[in-house]
Amino acid sequence: MAISLDAISLSPSLLWIDEFDWTPIEQVESRSITGNLILQTGVRAGGRPITLKAGDTYGWLARSTVLALQAKLAGTPPFVLTIGSHTFSVAWRHAGGKPIEARPVVDYADPLDADPYIVTLNFLVIGV
């Protein structure tokens, strides 16, 4: 399964760890002054989190790819995220943590562009 952000190819082994931790429905329950249930339900217009994560033995990205992703942090969304046959219009998810977390598989004082990194990429779907 191919994964890319705009023209940047990512490892097809990245895991989409929150694929099923989201619902397109927003619901609020409250009670009227007489005690009756008031239920408001609507369809969310965006805001779905997408977290792509590498592990200790899979999904690594080259340092050059991590640097290209980091350069996109200052870019203006939306970006096109493709996961297999699914395409999403996304922005980086800055709230609640870092949009990109990356650490080298092996620490080097002078890393090369090809050195592998373990990453977590945090996105937020814009619109529906």
N, C-alpha and C. Protein backbone atom coordinates (compact mmCIF):
# COMPACT_ATOMS: atom_id res chain seq x y z
N MET A 1 0.85 -1.17 0.00
CA MET A 1 0.00 0.00 0.00
C MET A 1 0.90 1.24 0.00
N ALA A 2 0.75 2.06 -1.00
CA ALA A 2 1.56 3.27 -1.12
C ALA A 2 1.03 4.35 -0.17
N ILE A 3 1.97 5.10 0.41
CA ILE A 3 1.62 6.24 1.27
C ILE A 3 2.48 7.42 0.83
N SER A 4 1.83 8.59 0.66
CA SER A 4 2.59 9.78 0.27
C SER A 4 1.92 11.03 0.85
N LEU A 5 2.73 12.06 1.01
CA LEU A 5 2.24 13.39 1.38
C LEU A 5 2.70 14.32 0.27
N ASP A 6 1.74 14.82 -0.49
CA ASP A 6 2.04 15.56 -1.72
C ASP A 6 2.99 14.71 -2.56
N ALA A 7 4.17 15.20 -2.88
CA ALA A 7 5.10 14.43 -3.73
C ALA A 7 6.13 13.64 -2.91
N ILE A 8 5.97 13.60 -1.60
CA ILE A 8 6.93 12.89 -0.75
C ILE A 8 6.43 11.48 -0.50
N SER A 9 7.18 10.50 -0.99
CA SER A 9 6.83 9.10 -0.76
C SER A 9 7.25 8.69 0.65
N LEU A 10 6.31 8.02 1.34
CA LEU A 10 6.57 7.54 2.69
C LEU A 10 6.61 6.02 2.68
N SER A 11 7.07 5.44 3.75
CA SER A 11 7.16 3.99 3.83
C SER A 11 5.75 3.38 3.79
N PRO A 12 5.55 2.36 2.96
CA PRO A 12 4.25 1.69 2.94
C PRO A 12 4.00 0.86 4.21
N SER A 13 5.02 0.75 5.06
CA SER A 13 4.89 -0.01 6.30
C SER A 13 4.45 0.84 7.48
N LEU A 14 4.26 2.15 7.27
CA LEU A 14 3.75 2.98 8.37
C LEU A 14 2.36 2.49 8.75
N LEU A 15 2.10 2.46 10.05
CA LEU A 15 0.79 2.04 10.54
C LEU A 15 -0.10 3.25 10.78
N TRP A 16 -1.35 3.16 10.34
CA TRP A 16 -2.36 4.18 10.62
C TRP A 16 -3.01 3.74 11.93
N ILE A 17 -2.49 4.25 13.04
CA ILE A 17 -2.84 3.69 14.35
C ILE A 17 -4.20 4.14 14.88
N ASP A 18 -4.77 5.22 14.35
CA ASP A 18 -6.07 5.68 14.85
C ASP A 18 -7.16 5.63 13.77
N GLU A 19 -7.00 4.72 12.82
CA GLU A 19 -7.95 4.63 11.71
C GLU A 19 -9.38 4.40 12.19
N PHE A 20 -9.55 3.62 13.24
CA PHE A 20 -10.90 3.28 13.71
C PHE A 20 -11.23 3.92 15.06
N ASP A 21 -10.45 4.91 15.48
CA ASP A 21 -10.69 5.60 16.75
C ASP A 21 -11.44 6.91 16.55
N TRP A 22 -12.23 7.01 15.51
CA TRP A 22 -12.90 8.25 15.18
C TRP A 22 -14.29 7.94 14.64
N THR A 23 -15.22 8.82 14.88
CA THR A 23 -16.57 8.67 14.33
C THR A 23 -16.94 9.97 13.62
N PRO A 24 -17.64 9.88 12.49
CA PRO A 24 -18.03 11.10 11.78
C PRO A 24 -19.24 11.80 12.41
N ILE A 25 -19.78 11.23 13.47
CA ILE A 25 -20.97 11.78 14.13
C ILE A 25 -20.58 12.48 15.43
N GLU A 26 -21.12 13.65 15.62
CA GLU A 26 -20.97 14.38 16.88
C GLU A 26 -22.33 14.35 17.56
N GLN A 27 -22.34 14.08 18.87
CA GLN A 27 -23.61 13.97 19.58
C GLN A 27 -23.47 14.61 20.96
N VAL A 28 -24.49 15.38 21.32
CA VAL A 28 -24.53 16.04 22.62
C VAL A 28 -25.87 15.70 23.28
N GLU A 29 -25.80 15.23 24.52
CA GLU A 29 -27.00 14.94 25.30
C GLU A 29 -27.15 15.98 26.40
N SER A 30 -28.37 16.41 26.60
CA SER A 30 -28.67 17.30 27.72
C SER A 30 -30.11 17.03 28.16
N ARG A 31 -30.51 17.67 29.22
CA ARG A 31 -31.87 17.51 29.75
C ARG A 31 -32.57 18.86 29.76
N SER A 32 -33.86 18.83 29.44
CA SER A 32 -34.65 20.04 29.51
C SER A 32 -35.00 20.30 30.98
N ILE A 33 -35.63 21.42 31.24
CA ILE A 33 -36.03 21.77 32.60
C ILE A 33 -37.05 20.78 33.17
N THR A 34 -37.77 20.09 32.27
CA THR A 34 -38.75 19.09 32.71
C THR A 34 -38.15 17.68 32.82
N GLY A 35 -36.86 17.57 32.49
CA GLY A 35 -36.20 16.27 32.59
C GLY A 35 -36.17 15.46 31.31
N ASN A 36 -36.79 15.97 30.26
CA ASN A 36 -36.77 15.26 28.98
C ASN A 36 -35.39 15.29 28.34
N LEU A 37 -35.05 14.23 27.64
CA LEU A 37 -33.77 14.14 26.94
C LEU A 37 -33.78 15.04 25.71
N ILE A 38 -32.75 15.83 25.57
CA ILE A 38 -32.52 16.63 24.37
C ILE A 38 -31.26 16.07 23.73
N LEU A 39 -31.42 15.53 22.54
CA LEU A 39 -30.32 14.89 21.84
C LEU A 39 -30.05 15.65 20.55
N GLN A 40 -28.84 16.18 20.44
CA GLN A 40 -28.43 16.89 19.23
C GLN A 40 -27.37 16.04 18.54
N THR A 41 -27.60 15.73 17.28
CA THR A 41 -26.68 14.89 16.51
C THR A 41 -26.38 15.56 15.18
N GLY A 42 -25.12 15.52 14.76
CA GLY A 42 -24.73 16.10 13.49
C GLY A 42 -23.52 15.39 12.92
N VAL A 43 -23.28 15.62 11.66
CA VAL A 43 -22.11 15.04 10.98
C VAL A 43 -20.96 16.04 11.08
N ARG A 44 -19.81 15.56 11.51
CA ARG A 44 -18.63 16.41 11.62
C ARG A 44 -18.15 16.80 10.23
N ALA A 45 -17.74 18.02 10.09
CA ALA A 45 -17.19 18.51 8.83
C ALA A 45 -15.68 18.63 8.97
N GLY A 46 -15.01 17.50 9.02
CA GLY A 46 -13.56 17.49 9.15
C GLY A 46 -13.12 17.26 10.59
N GLY A 47 -11.83 17.32 10.78
CA GLY A 47 -11.26 17.17 12.11
C GLY A 47 -10.82 15.76 12.45
N ARG A 48 -10.88 14.85 11.49
CA ARG A 48 -10.47 13.47 11.77
C ARG A 48 -8.95 13.43 11.95
N PRO A 49 -8.46 12.85 13.05
CA PRO A 49 -7.01 12.70 13.21
C PRO A 49 -6.50 11.51 12.39
N ILE A 50 -5.33 11.68 11.82
CA ILE A 50 -4.64 10.58 11.16
C ILE A 50 -3.22 10.56 11.72
N THR A 51 -2.88 9.46 12.38
CA THR A 51 -1.55 9.28 12.94
C THR A 51 -0.88 8.11 12.25
N LEU A 52 0.25 8.39 11.61
CA LEU A 52 1.04 7.35 10.95
C LEU A 52 2.28 7.11 11.78
N LYS A 53 2.53 5.85 12.09
CA LYS A 53 3.59 5.53 13.05
C LYS A 53 4.48 4.40 12.54
N ALA A 54 5.77 4.59 12.69
CA ALA A 54 6.75 3.55 12.42
C ALA A 54 7.06 2.84 13.74
N GLY A 55 7.58 1.64 13.63
CA GLY A 55 7.97 0.90 14.82
C GLY A 55 9.47 0.70 14.88
N ASP A 56 9.92 -0.02 15.86
CA ASP A 56 11.35 -0.26 16.03
C ASP A 56 11.95 -1.07 14.89
N THR A 57 11.12 -1.83 14.17
CA THR A 57 11.65 -2.69 13.11
C THR A 57 10.95 -2.50 11.77
N TYR A 58 10.10 -1.50 11.63
CA TYR A 58 9.35 -1.32 10.38
C TYR A 58 8.97 0.14 10.18
N GLY A 59 8.71 0.50 8.94
CA GLY A 59 8.18 1.82 8.62
C GLY A 59 9.18 2.96 8.69
N TRP A 60 10.46 2.66 8.71
CA TRP A 60 11.46 3.71 8.86
C TRP A 60 11.47 4.64 7.65
N LEU A 61 11.84 5.89 7.91
CA LEU A 61 12.02 6.88 6.85
C LEU A 61 13.47 7.35 6.85
N ALA A 62 13.98 7.63 5.66
CA ALA A 62 15.33 8.18 5.55
C ALA A 62 15.34 9.59 6.14
N ARG A 63 16.49 9.98 6.66
CA ARG A 63 16.65 11.32 7.23
C ARG A 63 16.25 12.39 6.21
N SER A 64 16.59 12.19 4.94
CA SER A 64 16.23 13.17 3.91
C SER A 64 14.72 13.32 3.80
N THR A 65 13.97 12.25 3.98
CA THR A 65 12.51 12.32 3.94
C THR A 65 11.98 13.07 5.16
N VAL A 66 12.56 12.81 6.32
CA VAL A 66 12.16 13.51 7.54
C VAL A 66 12.42 15.01 7.39
N LEU A 67 13.55 15.37 6.80
CA LEU A 67 13.85 16.79 6.58
C LEU A 67 12.86 17.42 5.60
N ALA A 68 12.46 16.69 4.57
CA ALA A 68 11.46 17.20 3.61
C ALA A 68 10.11 17.39 4.30
N LEU A 69 9.73 16.46 5.17
CA LEU A 69 8.48 16.60 5.92
C LEU A 69 8.55 17.79 6.87
N GLN A 70 9.70 17.94 7.54
CA GLN A 70 9.87 19.06 8.47
C GLN A 70 9.75 20.40 7.74
N ALA A 71 10.26 20.46 6.52
CA ALA A 71 10.16 21.70 5.74
C ALA A 71 8.70 22.02 5.42
N LYS A 72 7.83 21.02 5.33
CA LYS A 72 6.42 21.24 5.05
C LYS A 72 5.66 21.79 6.26
N LEU A 73 6.26 21.74 7.45
CA LEU A 73 5.59 22.28 8.64
C LEU A 73 5.26 23.75 8.46
N ALA A 74 6.10 24.48 7.75
CA ALA A 74 5.89 25.91 7.55
C ALA A 74 5.00 26.19 6.34
N GLY A 75 4.63 25.12 5.61
CA GLY A 75 3.80 25.28 4.42
C GLY A 75 2.35 25.57 4.77
N THR A 76 1.62 26.01 3.77
CA THR A 76 0.21 26.33 3.96
C THR A 76 -0.65 25.14 3.56
N PRO A 77 -1.47 24.63 4.48
CA PRO A 77 -2.36 23.53 4.13
C PRO A 77 -3.46 24.02 3.19
N PRO A 78 -4.11 23.13 2.50
CA PRO A 78 -4.11 21.69 2.71
C PRO A 78 -2.99 20.99 1.94
N PHE A 79 -2.60 19.83 2.46
CA PHE A 79 -1.68 18.93 1.81
C PHE A 79 -2.48 17.70 1.41
N VAL A 80 -2.01 16.99 0.42
CA VAL A 80 -2.70 15.78 -0.03
C VAL A 80 -1.99 14.56 0.54
N LEU A 81 -2.69 13.85 1.41
CA LEU A 81 -2.17 12.62 2.00
C LEU A 81 -2.87 11.45 1.33
N THR A 82 -2.09 10.56 0.77
CA THR A 82 -2.63 9.37 0.13
C THR A 82 -2.18 8.14 0.91
N ILE A 83 -3.17 7.33 1.30
CA ILE A 83 -2.91 6.07 2.00
C ILE A 83 -3.63 4.99 1.19
N GLY A 84 -2.86 4.23 0.44
CA GLY A 84 -3.48 3.23 -0.43
C GLY A 84 -4.38 3.90 -1.44
N SER A 85 -5.65 3.52 -1.48
CA SER A 85 -6.60 4.10 -2.42
C SER A 85 -7.37 5.28 -1.83
N HIS A 86 -7.03 5.69 -0.60
CA HIS A 86 -7.73 6.79 0.06
C HIS A 86 -6.90 8.07 -0.03
N THR A 87 -7.56 9.16 -0.34
CA THR A 87 -6.91 10.47 -0.42
C THR A 87 -7.59 11.43 0.54
N PHE A 88 -6.77 12.16 1.29
CA PHE A 88 -7.28 13.09 2.30
C PHE A 88 -6.64 14.46 2.11
N SER A 89 -7.41 15.50 2.37
CA SER A 89 -6.90 16.86 2.43
C SER A 89 -6.58 17.12 3.90
N VAL A 90 -5.30 17.35 4.21
CA VAL A 90 -4.88 17.40 5.61
C VAL A 90 -4.06 18.64 5.94
N ALA A 91 -3.97 18.88 7.24
CA ALA A 91 -3.05 19.86 7.82
C ALA A 91 -2.26 19.11 8.88
N TRP A 92 -1.15 19.68 9.29
CA TRP A 92 -0.41 19.10 10.42
C TRP A 92 -1.21 19.30 11.69
N ARG A 93 -1.21 18.32 12.58
CA ARG A 93 -1.89 18.42 13.87
C ARG A 93 -0.88 18.89 14.91
N HIS A 94 -0.94 20.18 15.24
CA HIS A 94 -0.01 20.77 16.21
C HIS A 94 -0.54 20.66 17.64
N ALA A 95 -1.86 20.68 17.81
CA ALA A 95 -2.46 20.65 19.14
C ALA A 95 -2.23 19.27 19.78
N GLY A 96 -1.90 19.29 21.05
CA GLY A 96 -1.77 18.04 21.79
C GLY A 96 -0.46 17.31 21.57
N GLY A 97 0.52 17.96 21.01
CA GLY A 97 1.80 17.29 20.81
C GLY A 97 2.54 17.82 19.60
N LYS A 98 3.48 17.06 19.14
CA LYS A 98 4.30 17.47 18.00
C LYS A 98 3.70 16.91 16.71
N PRO A 99 3.70 17.68 15.64
CA PRO A 99 3.21 17.15 14.38
C PRO A 99 4.12 16.05 13.81
N ILE A 100 5.42 16.19 14.06
CA ILE A 100 6.39 15.17 13.62
C ILE A 100 7.26 14.79 14.81
N GLU A 101 7.32 13.51 15.08
CA GLU A 101 8.26 12.99 16.07
C GLU A 101 9.20 12.07 15.31
N ALA A 102 10.50 12.27 15.47
CA ALA A 102 11.48 11.45 14.75
C ALA A 102 12.70 11.22 15.62
N ARG A 103 13.16 9.98 15.60
CA ARG A 103 14.41 9.65 16.29
C ARG A 103 15.18 8.66 15.43
N PRO A 104 16.50 8.81 15.41
CA PRO A 104 17.29 7.92 14.57
C PRO A 104 17.26 6.48 15.10
N VAL A 105 17.34 5.53 14.18
CA VAL A 105 17.43 4.12 14.57
C VAL A 105 18.76 3.90 15.27
N VAL A 106 19.82 4.52 14.74
CA VAL A 106 21.15 4.48 15.35
C VAL A 106 21.64 5.92 15.46
N ASP A 107 22.13 6.30 16.63
CA ASP A 107 22.63 7.65 16.83
C ASP A 107 24.01 7.81 16.20
N TYR A 108 24.14 8.82 15.35
CA TYR A 108 25.43 9.17 14.75
C TYR A 108 25.69 10.64 15.02
N ALA A 109 26.95 10.99 15.24
CA ALA A 109 27.31 12.39 15.46
C ALA A 109 27.09 13.21 14.19
N ASP A 110 27.28 12.59 13.03
CA ASP A 110 27.13 13.28 11.75
C ASP A 110 26.26 12.40 10.84
N PRO A 111 24.92 12.44 11.03
CA PRO A 111 24.05 11.54 10.27
C PRO A 111 24.05 11.85 8.77
N LEU A 112 23.84 10.80 7.99
CA LEU A 112 23.73 10.91 6.54
C LEU A 112 22.27 11.00 6.14
N ASP A 113 22.01 11.49 4.93
CA ASP A 113 20.64 11.62 4.44
C ASP A 113 19.92 10.27 4.36
N ALA A 114 20.66 9.20 4.17
CA ALA A 114 20.04 7.88 4.02
C ALA A 114 19.82 7.17 5.36
N ASP A 115 20.31 7.73 6.46
CA ASP A 115 20.15 7.07 7.76
C ASP A 115 18.67 6.95 8.13
N PRO A 116 18.24 5.80 8.67
CA PRO A 116 16.82 5.57 8.97
C PRO A 116 16.37 6.21 10.28
N TYR A 117 15.11 6.67 10.26
CA TYR A 117 14.50 7.29 11.44
C TYR A 117 13.16 6.62 11.73
N ILE A 118 12.85 6.51 13.01
CA ILE A 118 11.55 6.04 13.46
C ILE A 118 10.69 7.28 13.68
N VAL A 119 9.54 7.32 13.02
CA VAL A 119 8.74 8.54 13.02
C VAL A 119 7.30 8.29 13.46
N THR A 120 6.69 9.36 13.92
CA THR A 120 5.25 9.44 14.09
C THR A 120 4.82 10.74 13.44
N LEU A 121 3.83 10.65 12.53
CA LEU A 121 3.34 11.81 11.80
C LEU A 121 1.89 12.05 12.19
N ASN A 122 1.58 13.27 12.62
CA ASN A 122 0.24 13.61 13.12
C ASN A 122 -0.44 14.60 12.19
N PHE A 123 -1.56 14.17 11.60
CA PHE A 123 -2.32 15.00 10.66
C PHE A 123 -3.74 15.19 11.17
N LEU A 124 -4.42 16.16 10.57
CA LEU A 124 -5.81 16.44 10.83
C LEU A 124 -6.50 16.66 9.49
N VAL A 125 -7.58 15.90 9.23
CA VAL A 125 -8.29 16.04 7.96
C VAL A 125 -9.06 17.37 7.97
N ILE A 126 -8.93 18.10 6.86
CA ILE A 126 -9.63 19.37 6.70
C ILE A 126 -10.86 19.12 5.84
N GLY A 127 -12.00 19.52 6.28
CA GLY A 127 -13.24 19.30 5.54
C GLY A 127 -13.67 17.86 5.64
N VAL A 128 -14.55 17.44 4.76
CA VAL A 128 -15.08 16.07 4.81
C VAL A 128 -14.42 15.18 3.79
